[in-house]
Protein backbone atom coordinates (compact mmCIF):
# COMPACT_ATOMS: atom_id res chain seq x y z
CA UNK A 1 -25.36 -24.83 -3.50
CA UNK A 2 -26.70 -27.74 -5.43
CA UNK A 3 -26.15 -30.14 -2.74
CA UNK A 4 -27.96 -27.34 -0.34
CA UNK A 5 -31.19 -26.64 -2.88
CA UNK A 6 -32.12 -30.34 -3.06
CA UNK A 7 -31.77 -31.14 0.80
CA UNK A 8 -33.33 -28.88 1.54
CA UNK A 9 -36.52 -29.78 -1.33
CA UNK A 10 -36.14 -33.20 0.60
CA UNK A 11 -37.41 -31.83 3.98
CA UNK A 12 -40.21 -29.60 2.47
CA UNK A 13 -41.38 -32.96 1.31
CA UNK A 14 -41.05 -34.55 4.17
CA UNK A 15 -42.84 -32.07 6.49
CA UNK A 16 -45.49 -32.35 4.29
CA UNK A 17 -46.02 -35.98 3.90
CA UNK A 18 -46.57 -35.54 7.89
CA UNK A 19 -48.96 -33.08 8.00
CA UNK A 20 -50.94 -34.72 5.35
CA UNK A 21 -50.44 -37.88 7.06
CA UNK A 22 -51.50 -35.86 10.31
CA UNK A 23 -54.40 -34.51 8.63
CA UNK A 24 -55.48 -38.28 7.79
CA UNK A 25 -55.23 -39.21 11.34
CA UNK A 26 -57.91 -37.11 12.89
CA UNK A 27 -60.52 -36.98 10.07
CA UNK A 28 -63.08 -38.10 11.85
CA UNK A 29 -64.97 -41.37 11.61
CA UNK A 30 -68.32 -41.15 9.34
CA UNK A 31 -71.50 -42.36 11.48
CA UNK A 32 -72.63 -45.71 11.05
CA UNK A 33 -75.79 -46.31 8.88
CA UNK A 34 -79.44 -46.52 10.92
CA UNK A 35 -82.56 -47.97 10.26
CA UNK A 36 -85.48 -45.95 10.02
CA UNK A 37 -86.74 -47.82 13.24
CA UNK A 38 -83.24 -46.89 15.35
CA UNK A 39 -83.74 -43.54 14.00
CA UNK A 40 -86.85 -43.04 15.66
CA UNK A 41 -85.41 -42.08 19.23
CA UNK A 42 -83.55 -39.27 17.86
CA UNK A 43 -85.61 -38.06 16.22
CA UNK A 44 -88.32 -37.61 19.33
CA UNK A 45 -85.21 -35.90 20.32
CA UNK A 46 -85.22 -33.29 17.58
CA UNK A 47 -88.81 -33.46 18.09
CA UNK A 48 -88.52 -31.94 22.06
CA UNK A 49 -85.25 -30.05 21.14
CA UNK A 50 -87.67 -27.76 18.14
CA UNK A 51 -90.91 -27.73 20.93
CA UNK A 52 -88.34 -25.99 23.23
CA UNK A 53 -87.31 -23.41 20.93
CA UNK A 54 -91.16 -22.75 19.70
CA UNK A 55 -91.76 -21.50 23.26
CA UNK A 56 -89.48 -18.95 23.32
CA UNK A 57 -90.86 -17.76 19.80
CA UNK A 58 -94.65 -17.88 21.65
CA UNK A 59 -93.26 -15.79 24.56
CA UNK A 60 -91.23 -13.31 21.97
CA UNK A 61 -94.85 -12.70 20.74
CA UNK A 62 -96.76 -12.52 23.77
CA UNK A 63 -98.56 -15.99 24.08
CA UNK A 64 -97.71 -17.66 27.33
CA UNK A 65 -100.08 -20.32 27.13
CA UNK A 66 -98.53 -21.71 23.82
CA UNK A 67 -95.20 -21.24 25.16
CA UNK A 68 -96.07 -23.15 28.41
CA UNK A 69 -97.76 -26.03 26.08
CA UNK A 70 -94.69 -26.33 23.75
CA UNK A 71 -92.73 -27.17 27.01
CA UNK A 72 -94.96 -29.83 28.43
CA UNK A 73 -95.24 -31.55 24.68
CA UNK A 74 -90.87 -31.80 25.20
CA UNK A 75 -91.14 -33.31 28.28
CA UNK A 76 -93.37 -35.42 26.61
CA UNK A 77 -90.82 -36.13 24.03
CA UNK A 78 -88.03 -36.24 26.76
CA UNK A 79 -90.24 -39.01 28.09
CA UNK A 80 -90.54 -41.25 25.02
CA UNK A 81 -87.32 -40.87 23.44
CA UNK A 82 -85.22 -42.86 25.67
CA UNK A 83 -87.73 -46.00 26.42
CA UNK A 84 -88.06 -45.73 22.51
CA UNK A 85 -83.86 -46.46 22.42
CA UNK A 86 -84.58 -49.00 25.37
CA UNK A 87 -87.13 -50.63 23.81
CA UNK A 88 -85.98 -50.52 19.78
CA UNK A 89 -82.11 -51.41 21.29
CA UNK A 90 -80.90 -47.95 19.31
CA UNK A 91 -79.37 -46.41 22.98
CA UNK A 92 -76.19 -45.02 21.26
CA UNK A 93 -73.65 -41.98 22.68
CA UNK A 94 -74.81 -39.98 19.44
CA UNK A 95 -78.37 -40.58 20.98
CA UNK A 96 -77.02 -40.13 24.47
CA UNK A 97 -75.09 -36.73 24.27
CA UNK A 98 -78.40 -35.74 21.70
CA UNK A 99 -80.64 -35.40 24.66
CA UNK A 100 -78.38 -33.85 26.99
CA UNK A 101 -78.72 -30.62 24.31
CA UNK A 102 -82.15 -31.06 23.85
CA UNK A 103 -82.60 -31.35 27.80
CA UNK A 104 -80.25 -27.93 28.27
CA UNK A 105 -82.29 -26.12 25.50
CA UNK A 106 -85.75 -26.62 26.55
CA UNK A 107 -85.28 -27.91 30.12
CA UNK A 108 -83.20 -24.82 30.66
CA UNK A 109 -83.16 -22.30 28.34
CA UNK A 110 -86.51 -22.01 27.08
CA UNK A 111 -88.15 -21.92 30.76
CA UNK A 112 -85.75 -19.30 31.86
CA UNK A 113 -86.33 -17.17 28.31
CA UNK A 114 -90.24 -17.33 28.74
CA UNK A 115 -89.99 -16.80 33.01
CA UNK A 116 -88.18 -13.86 31.98
CA UNK A 117 -90.65 -12.56 29.68
CA UNK A 118 -93.14 -13.03 31.84
CA UNK A 119 -92.37 -10.95 34.65
CA UNK A 120 -88.52 -11.31 35.85
CA UNK A 121 -87.86 -8.62 33.12
CA UNK A 122 -89.72 -6.15 35.61
CA UNK A 123 -86.36 -6.30 37.93
CA UNK A 124 -84.59 -5.72 35.28
CA UNK A 125 -80.67 -6.59 35.38
CA UNK A 126 -81.21 -8.80 38.77
CA UNK A 127 -84.29 -10.77 36.85
CA UNK A 128 -81.59 -11.45 34.09
CA UNK A 129 -79.54 -13.01 36.87
CA UNK A 130 -81.61 -14.75 37.88
CA UNK A 131 -82.73 -15.66 34.48
CA UNK A 132 -79.28 -17.12 33.94
CA UNK A 133 -78.99 -18.27 37.00
CA UNK A 134 -81.57 -21.39 36.26
CA UNK A 135 -79.96 -22.31 32.71
CA UNK A 136 -76.50 -22.24 34.49
CA UNK A 137 -77.60 -25.35 37.18
CA UNK A 138 -79.53 -27.22 34.60
CA UNK A 139 -76.15 -27.89 32.79
CA UNK A 140 -74.69 -28.58 35.89
CA UNK A 141 -77.48 -30.81 36.86
CA UNK A 142 -77.32 -32.34 33.31
CA UNK A 143 -73.32 -32.65 33.38
CA UNK A 144 -73.18 -34.13 36.56
CA UNK A 145 -75.64 -36.94 35.79
CA UNK A 146 -73.83 -38.06 32.15
CA UNK A 147 -70.54 -38.15 35.02
CA UNK A 148 -72.70 -40.44 37.16
CA UNK A 149 -74.58 -42.63 34.89
CA UNK A 150 -70.72 -43.82 33.58
CA UNK A 151 -70.67 -45.57 36.58
CA UNK A 152 -72.36 -48.13 38.41
CA UNK A 153 -75.33 -46.94 41.17
CA UNK A 154 -75.16 -47.82 44.63
CA UNK A 155 -77.62 -50.39 45.36
CA UNK A 156 -79.70 -48.32 47.76
CA UNK A 157 -79.05 -45.09 45.45
CA UNK A 158 -80.08 -46.37 42.31
CA UNK A 159 -84.53 -45.87 42.60
CA UNK A 160 -83.21 -41.75 43.09
CA UNK A 161 -81.74 -38.82 41.37
CA UNK A 162 -79.63 -36.46 42.84
CA UNK A 163 -81.47 -33.36 42.61
CA UNK A 164 -84.82 -32.79 40.61
CA UNK A 165 -84.26 -33.94 37.41
CA UNK A 166 -84.22 -30.95 34.34
CA UNK A 167 -87.87 -31.34 33.15
CA UNK A 168 -89.14 -31.88 36.88
CA UNK A 169 -87.11 -28.78 37.20
CA UNK A 170 -88.48 -26.71 34.41
CA UNK A 171 -92.73 -27.70 35.32
CA UNK A 172 -92.00 -26.67 38.83
CA UNK A 173 -90.44 -23.07 38.00
CA UNK A 174 -93.60 -22.73 35.64
CA UNK A 175 -96.19 -23.26 38.64
CA UNK A 176 -96.63 -19.51 39.01
CA UNK A 177 -97.39 -19.49 35.53
CA UNK A 178 -100.32 -22.40 36.08
CA UNK A 179 -101.55 -20.18 39.06
CA UNK A 180 -102.01 -17.19 36.47
CA UNK A 181 -103.36 -18.86 34.15
CA UNK A 182 -106.26 -20.10 36.18
CA UNK A 183 -106.70 -17.02 38.88
CA UNK A 184 -105.56 -13.80 36.88
CA UNK A 185 -102.35 -11.87 37.57
CA UNK A 186 -103.18 -10.01 40.81
CA UNK A 187 -100.93 -12.03 42.65
CA UNK A 188 -98.91 -14.71 40.59
CA UNK A 189 -97.21 -12.35 37.85
CA UNK A 190 -95.10 -10.74 40.95
CA UNK A 191 -91.48 -10.77 39.87
CA UNK A 192 -90.48 -11.60 43.54
CA UNK A 193 -92.33 -14.69 43.25
CA UNK A 194 -91.33 -15.77 40.45
CA UNK A 195 -87.46 -15.02 41.48
CA UNK A 196 -87.49 -17.00 44.50
CA UNK A 197 -89.40 -20.15 43.13
CA UNK A 198 -86.50 -20.01 40.29
CA UNK A 199 -83.61 -19.24 42.46
CA UNK A 200 -85.01 -22.23 44.50
CA UNK A 201 -85.51 -24.76 42.19
CA UNK A 202 -82.38 -23.64 40.28
CA UNK A 203 -80.09 -24.97 43.87
CA UNK A 204 -82.77 -27.78 44.05
CA UNK A 205 -81.69 -28.76 40.50
CA UNK A 206 -77.95 -28.90 41.69
CA UNK A 207 -78.52 -30.37 45.40
CA UNK A 208 -77.98 -33.13 46.89
CA UNK A 209 -81.13 -33.95 47.75
CA UNK A 210 -82.85 -37.38 46.65
CA UNK A 211 -86.05 -37.13 44.59
CA UNK A 212 -87.98 -39.84 43.46
CA UNK A 213 -87.55 -41.52 39.65
CA UNK A 214 -90.05 -42.80 38.15
CA UNK A 215 -87.91 -44.98 36.25
CA UNK A 216 -87.29 -47.71 38.88
CA UNK A 217 -90.50 -47.74 40.29
CA UNK A 218 -92.80 -51.46 40.23
CA UNK A 219 -96.59 -51.34 40.30
CA UNK A 220 -97.20 -54.80 42.14
CA UNK A 221 -99.73 -57.03 40.53
CA UNK A 222 -103.06 -56.10 43.11
CA UNK A 223 -102.45 -52.00 41.75
CA UNK A 224 -102.16 -52.54 38.32
CA UNK A 225 -105.81 -51.64 37.17
CA UNK A 226 -106.14 -48.46 40.22
CA UNK A 227 -102.99 -47.42 38.84
CA UNK A 228 -104.33 -47.26 35.51
CA UNK A 229 -107.41 -46.25 36.58
CA UNK A 230 -105.21 -43.17 38.37
CA UNK A 231 -103.84 -42.15 34.97
CA UNK A 232 -107.23 -42.27 33.54
CA UNK A 233 -108.71 -40.04 35.99
CA UNK A 234 -105.68 -37.47 35.70
CA UNK A 235 -105.79 -37.43 31.81
CA UNK A 236 -109.65 -36.02 31.85
CA UNK A 237 -109.02 -33.65 34.73
CA UNK A 238 -105.95 -32.42 32.48
CA UNK A 239 -108.10 -31.88 29.35
CA UNK A 240 -110.99 -30.37 31.49
CA UNK A 241 -108.54 -28.28 34.04
CA UNK A 242 -105.12 -28.16 32.82
CA UNK A 243 -103.38 -25.99 35.36
CA UNK A 244 -105.17 -26.65 38.02
CA UNK A 245 -104.34 -29.96 36.94
CA UNK A 246 -100.92 -29.16 36.78
CA UNK A 247 -100.46 -27.15 40.08
CA UNK A 248 -101.40 -29.75 41.93
CA UNK A 249 -99.07 -32.59 40.28
CA UNK A 250 -96.04 -29.56 41.24
CA UNK A 251 -97.61 -29.83 44.75
CA UNK A 252 -97.45 -33.90 44.44
CA UNK A 253 -94.09 -34.09 43.64
CA UNK A 254 -92.33 -31.20 46.13
CA UNK A 255 -94.55 -32.95 48.72
CA UNK A 256 -92.60 -36.29 48.00
CA UNK A 257 -89.92 -34.48 48.25
CA UNK A 258 -89.55 -35.25 52.44
CA UNK A 259 -90.72 -39.03 52.07
CA UNK A 260 -88.15 -39.50 49.14
CA UNK A 261 -85.20 -38.26 51.59
CA UNK A 262 -86.69 -40.30 54.59
CA UNK A 263 -86.95 -43.34 52.71
CA UNK A 264 -83.05 -42.72 51.13
CA UNK A 265 -81.84 -42.67 54.45
CA UNK A 266 -83.78 -45.78 55.27
CA UNK A 267 -81.75 -48.17 52.64
CA UNK A 268 -79.05 -46.28 52.91
CA UNK A 269 -78.54 -46.90 56.61
CA UNK A 270 -79.12 -50.88 55.90
CA UNK A 271 -77.09 -50.96 53.12
CA UNK A 272 -74.26 -49.62 55.43
CA UNK A 273 -74.74 -51.56 58.45
CA UNK A 274 -74.84 -55.24 56.05
CA UNK A 275 -72.03 -53.80 55.20
CA UNK A 276 -70.47 -54.00 59.17
CA UNK A 277 -72.29 -57.23 59.62
CA UNK A 278 -69.96 -58.18 56.73
CA UNK A 279 -66.76 -56.77 57.31
CA UNK A 280 -67.29 -57.99 61.20
CA UNK A 281 -68.13 -61.05 60.50
CA UNK A 282 -65.14 -63.67 61.11
CA UNK A 283 -63.74 -65.68 59.02
CA UNK A 284 -63.96 -69.60 59.34
CA UNK A 285 -61.22 -71.28 60.78
CA UNK A 286 -59.81 -74.04 58.17
CA UNK A 287 -58.27 -77.22 60.16
CA UNK A 288 -54.91 -78.19 59.16
CA UNK A 289 -55.09 -81.90 57.19
CA UNK A 290 -53.50 -84.42 58.75
CA UNK A 291 -50.39 -85.53 57.12
CA UNK A 292 -50.80 -88.66 54.92
CA UNK A 293 -49.26 -92.40 56.28
CA UNK A 294 -46.13 -93.32 53.82
CA UNK A 295 -47.21 -95.25 50.79
CA UNK A 296 -45.82 -98.69 52.32
CA UNK A 297 -47.49 -97.71 56.14
CA UNK A 298 -50.81 -96.67 54.75
CA UNK A 299 -52.27 -100.03 56.18
CA UNK A 300 -50.39 -100.46 59.15
CA UNK A 301 -51.95 -99.51 62.89
CA UNK A 302 -50.14 -96.97 64.70
CA UNK A 303 -50.29 -98.92 67.91
CA UNK A 304 -48.72 -102.24 65.36
CA UNK A 305 -45.19 -103.45 66.82
CA UNK A 306 -43.41 -103.70 63.68
CA UNK A 307 -40.55 -106.44 62.74
C-alpha cells in the first residue's frame, strides 16, 4: 500500500512539472525596448484610431460635419504613419498589425456608423445590413492586402492597388455628405442614394479592379514646380470651400479608374509578351570542343609520316 501511494505521488509530481514547463513555453516574449523616435509611427497610428472613434461620438451627438472632419484627420494620420516608419527605419510587424486594426476601425466601422446615424437608419434593418456590408468588405479588403503584402508583387502590378484602398473607400462613401453640407439635404441625404453609394463602394473595395497607388508615382523633374503649385491651390480651396474640394477629389479619383484599368492591362499584356518571347527564344547551340592531341603528339602534323 505504501509503494502504491509513493508511485502515485511521483506520477503527480511528474505531471505538475510537465504542466509548469508547458506554461513556461507558451509565455509570450516581451516587446523589445524602443526609442522615442521609433515610437512616432505607432503614436500616429493610435491618433488615427482615436480620430475614427471620435467621429462616431460626434455622429451620435448629431454633429456630422465634425464626424467627417475626424475621419479625414484619421486619413491624414494614416498617410503619415507609414511614411514616418520608413523614414525612421522603424517598420515592424507590430506596427503593421496595429495599422491594420486602426484602418478597420477608422475607415470601416466609423464611416459605416456615421452613415447609418446620418441617413441609413431610415431604412431600418436594410440600412443596418448595408452598414454592416461596408464594414465587412473593409475588413476583407485589409485582410487581402496583408496577405498580398507578404508576397512580392508582379512588376506590372506594383504601381496599382487591387480594389479601392480603405481610406479611399471611406472618403468615397462620404461624398453624399459633402454635397449635403454644401447644397442642403433636399436630395443628397436620401437614404436610397446613400444605400447605392455605400453598396457600390463596398463592392469596389473587395473587387479585382486596379486603382491608382500614389506611393509608386514618380514626379518628373520638370513637373515638380507645377505639382507643388497644384497642391498649394488645392490646399487653398480646401480651406475656403472644403466640401466642394473634397467632392472634386472624389470625382477625379473615380474618373481615374478607367484610365488605371487601361494602363494596368496594357502593362500586363506587355509583360506577358516579353515572357512568351523569352520562352520561345531558342537556346544557343554549343559547339563540341575538339579532342586534344595526345601528350607526345601535340606538335605532330596530321599529314606527316612518322617513323
